[in-house]
Amino acid sequence: MGKGVNVVELYGVGKRYDIGVTGGHRVSVVARRDGKHELYVFDKGNEEPLAVVALDEEEAKLLAAVLTGTYFHAR
C-alpha cells in the first residue's frame, strides 16, 4: 500500500490498516467485511487506544471524503 501504511489481514473479519503519524502516535482503521469501520487512535508506545470510533459505511465514506478534500457541500 502507501508509505507508512501497514496492512494486516484479520481473517473472517476484514483488514486493519495501521498508519504512523506525527510524534510517534498511531491510527488504525479496521475495515470489516460487512461495511462497518472502526477508527482507533493510539498514543506513542501504548497498545491501549486513546479513542475508538465506530462508523457505518456511509459515515466512513463521509470521513474519507473530508480527509481527502473531496467533500462538496451542495447548497
PDB file of N, CA and C in Angstrom:
ATOM      1  N   MET A   1       0.862  -1.188   0.000  1.00  0.00           N
ATOM      2  CA  MET A   1       0.000   0.000   0.000  1.00  0.00           C
ATOM      3  C   MET A   1       0.890   1.227   0.000  1.00  0.00           C
ATOM      4  N   GLY A   2       0.460   2.318   0.591  1.00  0.00           N
ATOM      5  CA  GLY A   2       1.238   3.551   0.606  1.00  0.00           C
ATOM      6  C   GLY A   2       2.308   3.570   1.669  1.00  0.00           C
ATOM      7  N   LYS A   3       3.164   4.550   1.579  1.00  0.00           N
ATOM      8  CA  LYS A   3       4.234   4.718   2.557  1.00  0.00           C
ATOM      9  C   LYS A   3       3.642   4.937   3.944  1.00  0.00           C
ATOM     10  N   GLY A   4       4.175   4.211   4.915  1.00  0.00           N
ATOM     11  CA  GLY A   4       3.718   4.371   6.279  1.00  0.00           C
ATOM     12  C   GLY A   4       2.436   3.640   6.619  1.00  0.00           C
ATOM     13  N   VAL A   5       1.943   2.785   5.723  1.00  0.00           N
ATOM     14  CA  VAL A   5       0.720   2.027   5.992  1.00  0.00           C
ATOM     15  C   VAL A   5       1.073   0.548   6.085  1.00  0.00           C
ATOM     16  N   ASN A   6       0.695  -0.054   7.208  1.00  0.00           N
ATOM     17  CA  ASN A   6       0.882  -1.487   7.385  1.00  0.00           C
ATOM     18  C   ASN A   6      -0.498  -2.134   7.333  1.00  0.00           C
ATOM     19  N   VAL A   7      -0.669  -3.117   6.452  1.00  0.00           N
ATOM     20  CA  VAL A   7      -1.960  -3.772   6.281  1.00  0.00           C
ATOM     21  C   VAL A   7      -1.896  -5.162   6.903  1.00  0.00           C
ATOM     22  N   VAL A   8      -2.878  -5.470   7.738  1.00  0.00           N
ATOM     23  CA  VAL A   8      -2.948  -6.769   8.402  1.00  0.00           C
ATOM     24  C   VAL A   8      -4.285  -7.410   8.062  1.00  0.00           C
ATOM     25  N   GLU A   9      -4.249  -8.629   7.541  1.00  0.00           N
ATOM     26  CA  GLU A   9      -5.472  -9.382   7.247  1.00  0.00           C
ATOM     27  C   GLU A   9      -6.037  -9.914   8.553  1.00  0.00           C
ATOM     28  N   LEU A  10      -7.293  -9.599   8.834  1.00  0.00           N
ATOM     29  CA  LEU A  10      -7.988 -10.122  10.010  1.00  0.00           C
ATOM     30  C   LEU A  10      -8.964 -11.176   9.505  1.00  0.00           C
ATOM     31  N   TYR A  11      -8.514 -12.405   9.487  1.00  0.00           N
ATOM     32  CA  TYR A  11      -9.270 -13.494   8.870  1.00  0.00           C
ATOM     33  C   TYR A  11     -10.671 -13.612   9.436  1.00  0.00           C
ATOM     34  N   GLY A  12     -11.636 -13.621   8.541  1.00  0.00           N
ATOM     35  CA  GLY A  12     -13.033 -13.702   8.916  1.00  0.00           C
ATOM     36  C   GLY A  12     -13.644 -12.370   9.327  1.00  0.00           C
ATOM     37  N   VAL A  13     -12.819 -11.328   9.423  1.00  0.00           N
ATOM     38  CA  VAL A  13     -13.304 -10.020   9.872  1.00  0.00           C
ATOM     39  C   VAL A  13     -13.151  -8.975   8.777  1.00  0.00           C
ATOM     40  N   GLY A  14     -11.939  -8.833   8.246  1.00  0.00           N
ATOM     41  CA  GLY A  14     -11.633  -7.815   7.245  1.00  0.00           C
ATOM     42  C   GLY A  14     -10.152  -7.493   7.271  1.00  0.00           C
ATOM     43  N   LYS A  15      -9.815  -6.219   7.220  1.00  0.00           N
ATOM     44  CA  LYS A  15      -8.413  -5.792   7.235  1.00  0.00           C
ATOM     45  C   LYS A  15      -8.224  -4.656   8.226  1.00  0.00           C
ATOM     46  N   ARG A  16      -7.000  -4.592   8.761  1.00  0.00           N
ATOM     47  CA  ARG A  16      -6.616  -3.486   9.635  1.00  0.00           C
ATOM     48  C   ARG A  16      -5.509  -2.715   8.949  1.00  0.00           C
ATOM     49  N   TYR A  17      -5.658  -1.401   8.929  1.00  0.00           N
ATOM     50  CA  TYR A  17      -4.671  -0.509   8.334  1.00  0.00           C
ATOM     51  C   TYR A  17      -4.064   0.326   9.457  1.00  0.00           C
ATOM     52  N   ASP A  18      -2.759   0.173   9.687  1.00  0.00           N
ATOM     53  CA  ASP A  18      -2.052   0.923  10.717  1.00  0.00           C
ATOM     54  C   ASP A  18      -1.244   2.029  10.056  1.00  0.00           C
ATOM     55  N   ILE A  19      -1.405   3.241  10.564  1.00  0.00           N
ATOM     56  CA  ILE A  19      -0.748   4.410   9.984  1.00  0.00           C
ATOM     57  C   ILE A  19       0.003   5.143  11.089  1.00  0.00           C
ATOM     58  N   GLY A  20       1.311   5.301  10.911  1.00  0.00           N
ATOM     59  CA  GLY A  20       2.096   6.082  11.854  1.00  0.00           C
ATOM     60  C   GLY A  20       1.901   7.557  11.566  1.00  0.00           C
ATOM     61  N   VAL A  21       1.712   8.343  12.622  1.00  0.00           N
ATOM     62  CA  VAL A  21       1.504   9.777  12.451  1.00  0.00           C
ATOM     63  C   VAL A  21       2.519  10.550  13.289  1.00  0.00           C
ATOM     64  N   THR A  22       2.530  11.850  13.141  1.00  0.00           N
ATOM     65  CA  THR A  22       3.483  12.733  13.804  1.00  0.00           C
ATOM     66  C   THR A  22       3.581  12.444  15.302  1.00  0.00           C
ATOM     67  N   GLY A  23       4.809  12.475  15.796  1.00  0.00           N
ATOM     68  CA  GLY A  23       5.039  12.295  17.219  1.00  0.00           C
ATOM     69  C   GLY A  23       5.042  10.851  17.676  1.00  0.00           C
ATOM     70  N   GLY A  24       5.032   9.909  16.735  1.00  0.00           N
ATOM     71  CA  GLY A  24       5.057   8.502  17.096  1.00  0.00           C
ATOM     72  C   GLY A  24       3.703   7.914  17.432  1.00  0.00           C
ATOM     73  N   HIS A  25       2.645   8.692  17.265  1.00  0.00           N
ATOM     74  CA  HIS A  25       1.298   8.194  17.503  1.00  0.00           C
ATOM     75  C   HIS A  25       0.898   7.269  16.353  1.00  0.00           C
ATOM     76  N   ARG A  26      -0.186   6.542  16.542  1.00  0.00           N
ATOM     77  CA  ARG A  26      -0.645   5.618  15.509  1.00  0.00           C
ATOM     78  C   ARG A  26      -2.158   5.684  15.383  1.00  0.00           C
ATOM     79  N   VAL A  27      -2.630   5.586  14.158  1.00  0.00           N
ATOM     80  CA  VAL A  27      -4.053   5.486  13.863  1.00  0.00           C
ATOM     81  C   VAL A  27      -4.264   4.152  13.165  1.00  0.00           C
ATOM     82  N   SER A  28      -5.251   3.406  13.624  1.00  0.00           N
ATOM     83  CA  SER A  28      -5.595   2.137  12.988  1.00  0.00           C
ATOM     84  C   SER A  28      -7.044   2.189  12.544  1.00  0.00           C
ATOM     85  N   VAL A  29      -7.287   1.655  11.358  1.00  0.00           N
ATOM     86  CA  VAL A  29      -8.641   1.546  10.845  1.00  0.00           C
ATOM     87  C   VAL A  29      -8.915   0.073  10.579  1.00  0.00           C
ATOM     88  N   VAL A  30      -9.992  -0.441  11.163  1.00  0.00           N
ATOM     89  CA  VAL A  30     -10.432  -1.793  10.872  1.00  0.00           C
ATOM     90  C   VAL A  30     -11.591  -1.674   9.895  1.00  0.00           C
ATOM     91  N   ALA A  31     -11.383  -2.211   8.698  1.00  0.00           N
ATOM     92  CA  ALA A  31     -12.427  -2.220   7.668  1.00  0.00           C
ATOM     93  C   ALA A  31     -13.030  -3.620   7.655  1.00  0.00           C
ATOM     94  N   ARG A  32     -14.247  -3.732   8.142  1.00  0.00           N
ATOM     95  CA  ARG A  32     -14.914  -5.026   8.246  1.00  0.00           C
ATOM     96  C   ARG A  32     -15.585  -5.402   6.930  1.00  0.00           C
ATOM     97  N   ARG A  33     -15.735  -6.667   6.730  1.00  0.00           N
ATOM     98  CA  ARG A  33     -16.373  -7.165   5.501  1.00  0.00           C
ATOM     99  C   ARG A  33     -17.826  -6.731   5.376  1.00  0.00           C
ATOM    100  N   ASP A  34     -18.469  -6.435   6.505  1.00  0.00           N
ATOM    101  CA  ASP A  34     -19.882  -6.037   6.474  1.00  0.00           C
ATOM    102  C   ASP A  34     -20.071  -4.550   6.188  1.00  0.00           C
ATOM    103  N   GLY A  35     -18.952  -3.835   5.903  1.00  0.00           N
ATOM    104  CA  GLY A  35     -19.040  -2.416   5.573  1.00  0.00           C
ATOM    105  C   GLY A  35     -18.817  -1.483   6.753  1.00  0.00           C
ATOM    106  N   LYS A  36     -18.798  -2.017   7.964  1.00  0.00           N
ATOM    107  CA  LYS A  36     -18.553  -1.185   9.139  1.00  0.00           C
ATOM    108  C   LYS A  36     -17.058  -0.943   9.295  1.00  0.00           C
ATOM    109  N   HIS A  37     -16.717   0.163   9.944  1.00  0.00           N
ATOM    110  CA  HIS A  37     -15.327   0.538  10.172  1.00  0.00           C
ATOM    111  C   HIS A  37     -15.152   0.970  11.614  1.00  0.00           C
ATOM    112  N   GLU A  38     -13.950   0.762  12.125  1.00  0.00           N
ATOM    113  CA  GLU A  38     -13.602   1.242  13.454  1.00  0.00           C
ATOM    114  C   GLU A  38     -12.298   2.010  13.334  1.00  0.00           C
ATOM    115  N   LEU A  39     -12.256   3.165  13.951  1.00  0.00           N
ATOM    116  CA  LEU A  39     -11.091   4.038  13.943  1.00  0.00           C
ATOM    117  C   LEU A  39     -10.506   4.047  15.349  1.00  0.00           C
ATOM    118  N   TYR A  40      -9.222   3.688  15.465  1.00  0.00           N
ATOM    119  CA  TYR A  40      -8.532   3.635  16.756  1.00  0.00           C
ATOM    120  C   TYR A  40      -7.397   4.645  16.738  1.00  0.00           C
ATOM    121  N   VAL A  41      -7.211   5.356  17.846  1.00  0.00           N
ATOM    122  CA  VAL A  41      -6.114   6.308  17.989  1.00  0.00           C
ATOM    123  C   VAL A  41      -5.267   5.867  19.188  1.00  0.00           C
ATOM    124  N   PHE A  42      -3.955   5.699  18.946  1.00  0.00           N
ATOM    125  CA  PHE A  42      -3.041   5.226  19.979  1.00  0.00           C
ATOM    126  C   PHE A  42      -1.993   6.289  20.285  1.00  0.00           C
ATOM    127  N   ASP A  43      -1.685   6.446  21.563  1.00  0.00           N
ATOM    128  CA  ASP A  43      -0.605   7.311  21.993  1.00  0.00           C
ATOM    129  C   ASP A  43       0.719   6.596  21.734  1.00  0.00           C
ATOM    130  N   LYS A  44       1.776   7.339  21.632  1.00  0.00           N
ATOM    131  CA  LYS A  44       3.100   6.783  21.351  1.00  0.00           C
ATOM    132  C   LYS A  44       3.448   5.676  22.354  1.00  0.00           C
ATOM    133  N   GLY A  45       3.772   4.492  21.832  1.00  0.00           N
ATOM    134  CA  GLY A  45       4.216   3.379  22.640  1.00  0.00           C
ATOM    135  C   GLY A  45       3.148   2.698  23.474  1.00  0.00           C
ATOM    136  N   ASN A  46       1.890   3.053  23.300  1.00  0.00           N
ATOM    137  CA  ASN A  46       0.812   2.477  24.091  1.00  0.00           C
ATOM    138  C   ASN A  46      -0.049   1.584  23.222  1.00  0.00           C
ATOM    139  N   GLU A  47      -0.383   0.402  23.708  1.00  0.00           N
ATOM    140  CA  GLU A  47      -1.227  -0.529  22.953  1.00  0.00           C
ATOM    141  C   GLU A  47      -2.712  -0.401  23.290  1.00  0.00           C
ATOM    142  N   GLU A  48      -3.038   0.410  24.283  1.00  0.00           N
ATOM    143  CA  GLU A  48      -4.440   0.689  24.603  1.00  0.00           C
ATOM    144  C   GLU A  48      -4.849   1.959  23.875  1.00  0.00           C
ATOM    145  N   PRO A  49      -5.934   1.919  23.097  1.00  0.00           N
ATOM    146  CA  PRO A  49      -6.319   3.118  22.343  1.00  0.00           C
ATOM    147  C   PRO A  49      -6.793   4.256  23.241  1.00  0.00           C
ATOM    148  N   LEU A  50      -6.459   5.472  22.813  1.00  0.00           N
ATOM    149  CA  LEU A  50      -6.967   6.665  23.479  1.00  0.00           C
ATOM    150  C   LEU A  50      -8.437   6.881  23.137  1.00  0.00           C
ATOM    151  N   ALA A  51      -8.796   6.504  21.913  1.00  0.00           N
ATOM    152  CA  ALA A  51     -10.171   6.688  21.438  1.00  0.00           C
ATOM    153  C   ALA A  51     -10.504   5.612  20.423  1.00  0.00           C
ATOM    154  N   VAL A  52     -11.772   5.229  20.408  1.00  0.00           N
ATOM    155  CA  VAL A  52     -12.293   4.281  19.422  1.00  0.00           C
ATOM    156  C   VAL A  52     -13.598   4.864  18.893  1.00  0.00           C
ATOM    157  N   VAL A  53     -13.715   4.942  17.572  1.00  0.00           N
ATOM    158  CA  VAL A  53     -14.929   5.460  16.944  1.00  0.00           C
ATOM    159  C   VAL A  53     -15.451   4.413  15.970  1.00  0.00           C
ATOM    160  N   ALA A  54     -16.700   4.004  16.153  1.00  0.00           N
ATOM    161  CA  ALA A  54     -17.343   3.046  15.246  1.00  0.00           C
ATOM    162  C   ALA A  54     -18.105   3.832  14.184  1.00  0.00           C
ATOM    163  N   LEU A  55     -17.900   3.456  12.928  1.00  0.00           N
ATOM    164  CA  LEU A  55     -18.538   4.143  11.804  1.00  0.00           C
ATOM    165  C   LEU A  55     -19.276   3.140  10.933  1.00  0.00           C
ATOM    166  N   ASP A  56     -20.476   3.504  10.478  1.00  0.00           N
ATOM    167  CA  ASP A  56     -21.116   2.657   9.486  1.00  0.00           C
ATOM    168  C   ASP A  56     -20.525   3.009   8.116  1.00  0.00           C
ATOM    169  N   GLU A  57     -20.959   2.324   7.080  1.00  0.00           N
ATOM    170  CA  GLU A  57     -20.361   2.510   5.757  1.00  0.00           C
ATOM    171  C   GLU A  57     -20.483   3.949   5.245  1.00  0.00           C
ATOM    172  N   GLU A  58     -21.634   4.564   5.417  1.00  0.00           N
ATOM    173  CA  GLU A  58     -21.840   5.931   4.945  1.00  0.00           C
ATOM    174  C   GLU A  58     -20.999   6.932   5.734  1.00  0.00           C
ATOM    175  N   GLU A  59     -20.897   6.743   7.047  1.00  0.00           N
ATOM    176  CA  GLU A  59     -20.082   7.632   7.871  1.00  0.00           C
ATOM    177  C   GLU A  59     -18.609   7.519   7.495  1.00  0.00           C
ATOM    178  N   ALA A  60     -18.156   6.296   7.222  1.00  0.00           N
ATOM    179  CA  ALA A  60     -16.760   6.084   6.818  1.00  0.00           C
ATOM    180  C   ALA A  60     -16.473   6.776   5.487  1.00  0.00           C
ATOM    181  N   LYS A  61     -17.409   6.690   4.553  1.00  0.00           N
ATOM    182  CA  LYS A  61     -17.229   7.359   3.261  1.00  0.00           C
ATOM    183  C   LYS A  61     -17.193   8.879   3.420  1.00  0.00           C
ATOM    184  N   LEU A  62     -18.043   9.408   4.288  1.00  0.00           N
ATOM    185  CA  LEU A  62     -18.065  10.848   4.528  1.00  0.00           C
ATOM    186  C   LEU A  62     -16.752  11.306   5.160  1.00  0.00           C
ATOM    187  N   LEU A  63     -16.262  10.570   6.158  1.00  0.00           N
ATOM    188  CA  LEU A  63     -14.995  10.918   6.787  1.00  0.00           C
ATOM    189  C   LEU A  63     -13.854  10.861   5.777  1.00  0.00           C
ATOM    190  N   ALA A  64     -13.847   9.839   4.942  1.00  0.00           N
ATOM    191  CA  ALA A  64     -12.809   9.720   3.910  1.00  0.00           C
ATOM    192  C   ALA A  64     -12.866  10.912   2.950  1.00  0.00           C
ATOM    193  N   ALA A  65     -14.058  11.332   2.559  1.00  0.00           N
ATOM    194  CA  ALA A  65     -14.200  12.464   1.647  1.00  0.00           C
ATOM    195  C   ALA A  65     -13.678  13.752   2.285  1.00  0.00           C
ATOM    196  N   VAL A  66     -13.970  13.943   3.562  1.00  0.00           N
ATOM    197  CA  VAL A  66     -13.480  15.143   4.252  1.00  0.00           C
ATOM    198  C   VAL A  66     -11.962  15.108   4.352  1.00  0.00           C
ATOM    199  N   LEU A  67     -11.396  13.967   4.738  1.00  0.00           N
ATOM    200  CA  LEU A  67      -9.946  13.845   4.907  1.00  0.00           C
ATOM    201  C   LEU A  67      -9.178  14.002   3.595  1.00  0.00           C
ATOM    202  N   THR A  68      -9.774  13.598   2.496  1.00  0.00           N
ATOM    203  CA  THR A  68      -9.093  13.695   1.202  1.00  0.00           C
ATOM    204  C   THR A  68      -9.415  14.991   0.461  1.00  0.00           C
ATOM    205  N   GLY A  69     -10.263  15.824   1.047  1.00  0.00           N
ATOM    206  CA  GLY A  69     -10.594  17.094   0.412  1.00  0.00           C
ATOM    207  C   GLY A  69     -11.559  16.973  -0.759  1.00  0.00           C
ATOM    208  N   THR A  70     -12.256  15.866  -0.831  1.00  0.00           N
ATOM    209  CA  THR A  70     -13.203  15.669  -1.941  1.00  0.00           C
ATOM    210  C   THR A  70     -14.642  15.896  -1.532  1.00  0.00           C
ATOM    211  N   TYR A  71     -14.875  16.318  -0.305  1.00  0.00           N
ATOM    212  CA  TYR A  71     -16.232  16.560   0.154  1.00  0.00           C
ATOM    213  C   TYR A  71     -16.727  17.890  -0.399  1.00  0.00           C
ATOM    214  N   PHE A  72     -17.885  17.853  -1.036  1.00  0.00           N
ATOM    215  CA  PHE A  72     -18.509  19.065  -1.573  1.00  0.00           C
ATOM    216  C   PHE A  72     -19.873  19.196  -0.948  1.00  0.00           C
ATOM    217  N   HIS A  73     -20.160  20.358  -0.407  1.00  0.00           N
ATOM    218  CA  HIS A  73     -21.456  20.602   0.214  1.00  0.00           C
ATOM    219  C   HIS A  73     -22.366  21.254  -0.806  1.00  0.00           C
ATOM    220  N   ALA A  74     -23.467  20.571  -1.118  1.00  0.00           N
ATOM    221  CA  ALA A  74     -24.444  21.139  -2.048  1.00  0.00           C
ATOM    222  C   ALA A  74     -25.261  22.198  -1.325  1.00  0.00           C
ATOM    223  N   ARG A  75     -25.408  23.344  -1.979  1.00  0.00           N
ATOM    224  CA  ARG A  75     -26.170  24.442  -1.360  1.00  0.00           C
ATOM    225  C   ARG A  75     -27.566  24.480  -1.873  1.00  0.00           C
TER     226      ARG A  75
END
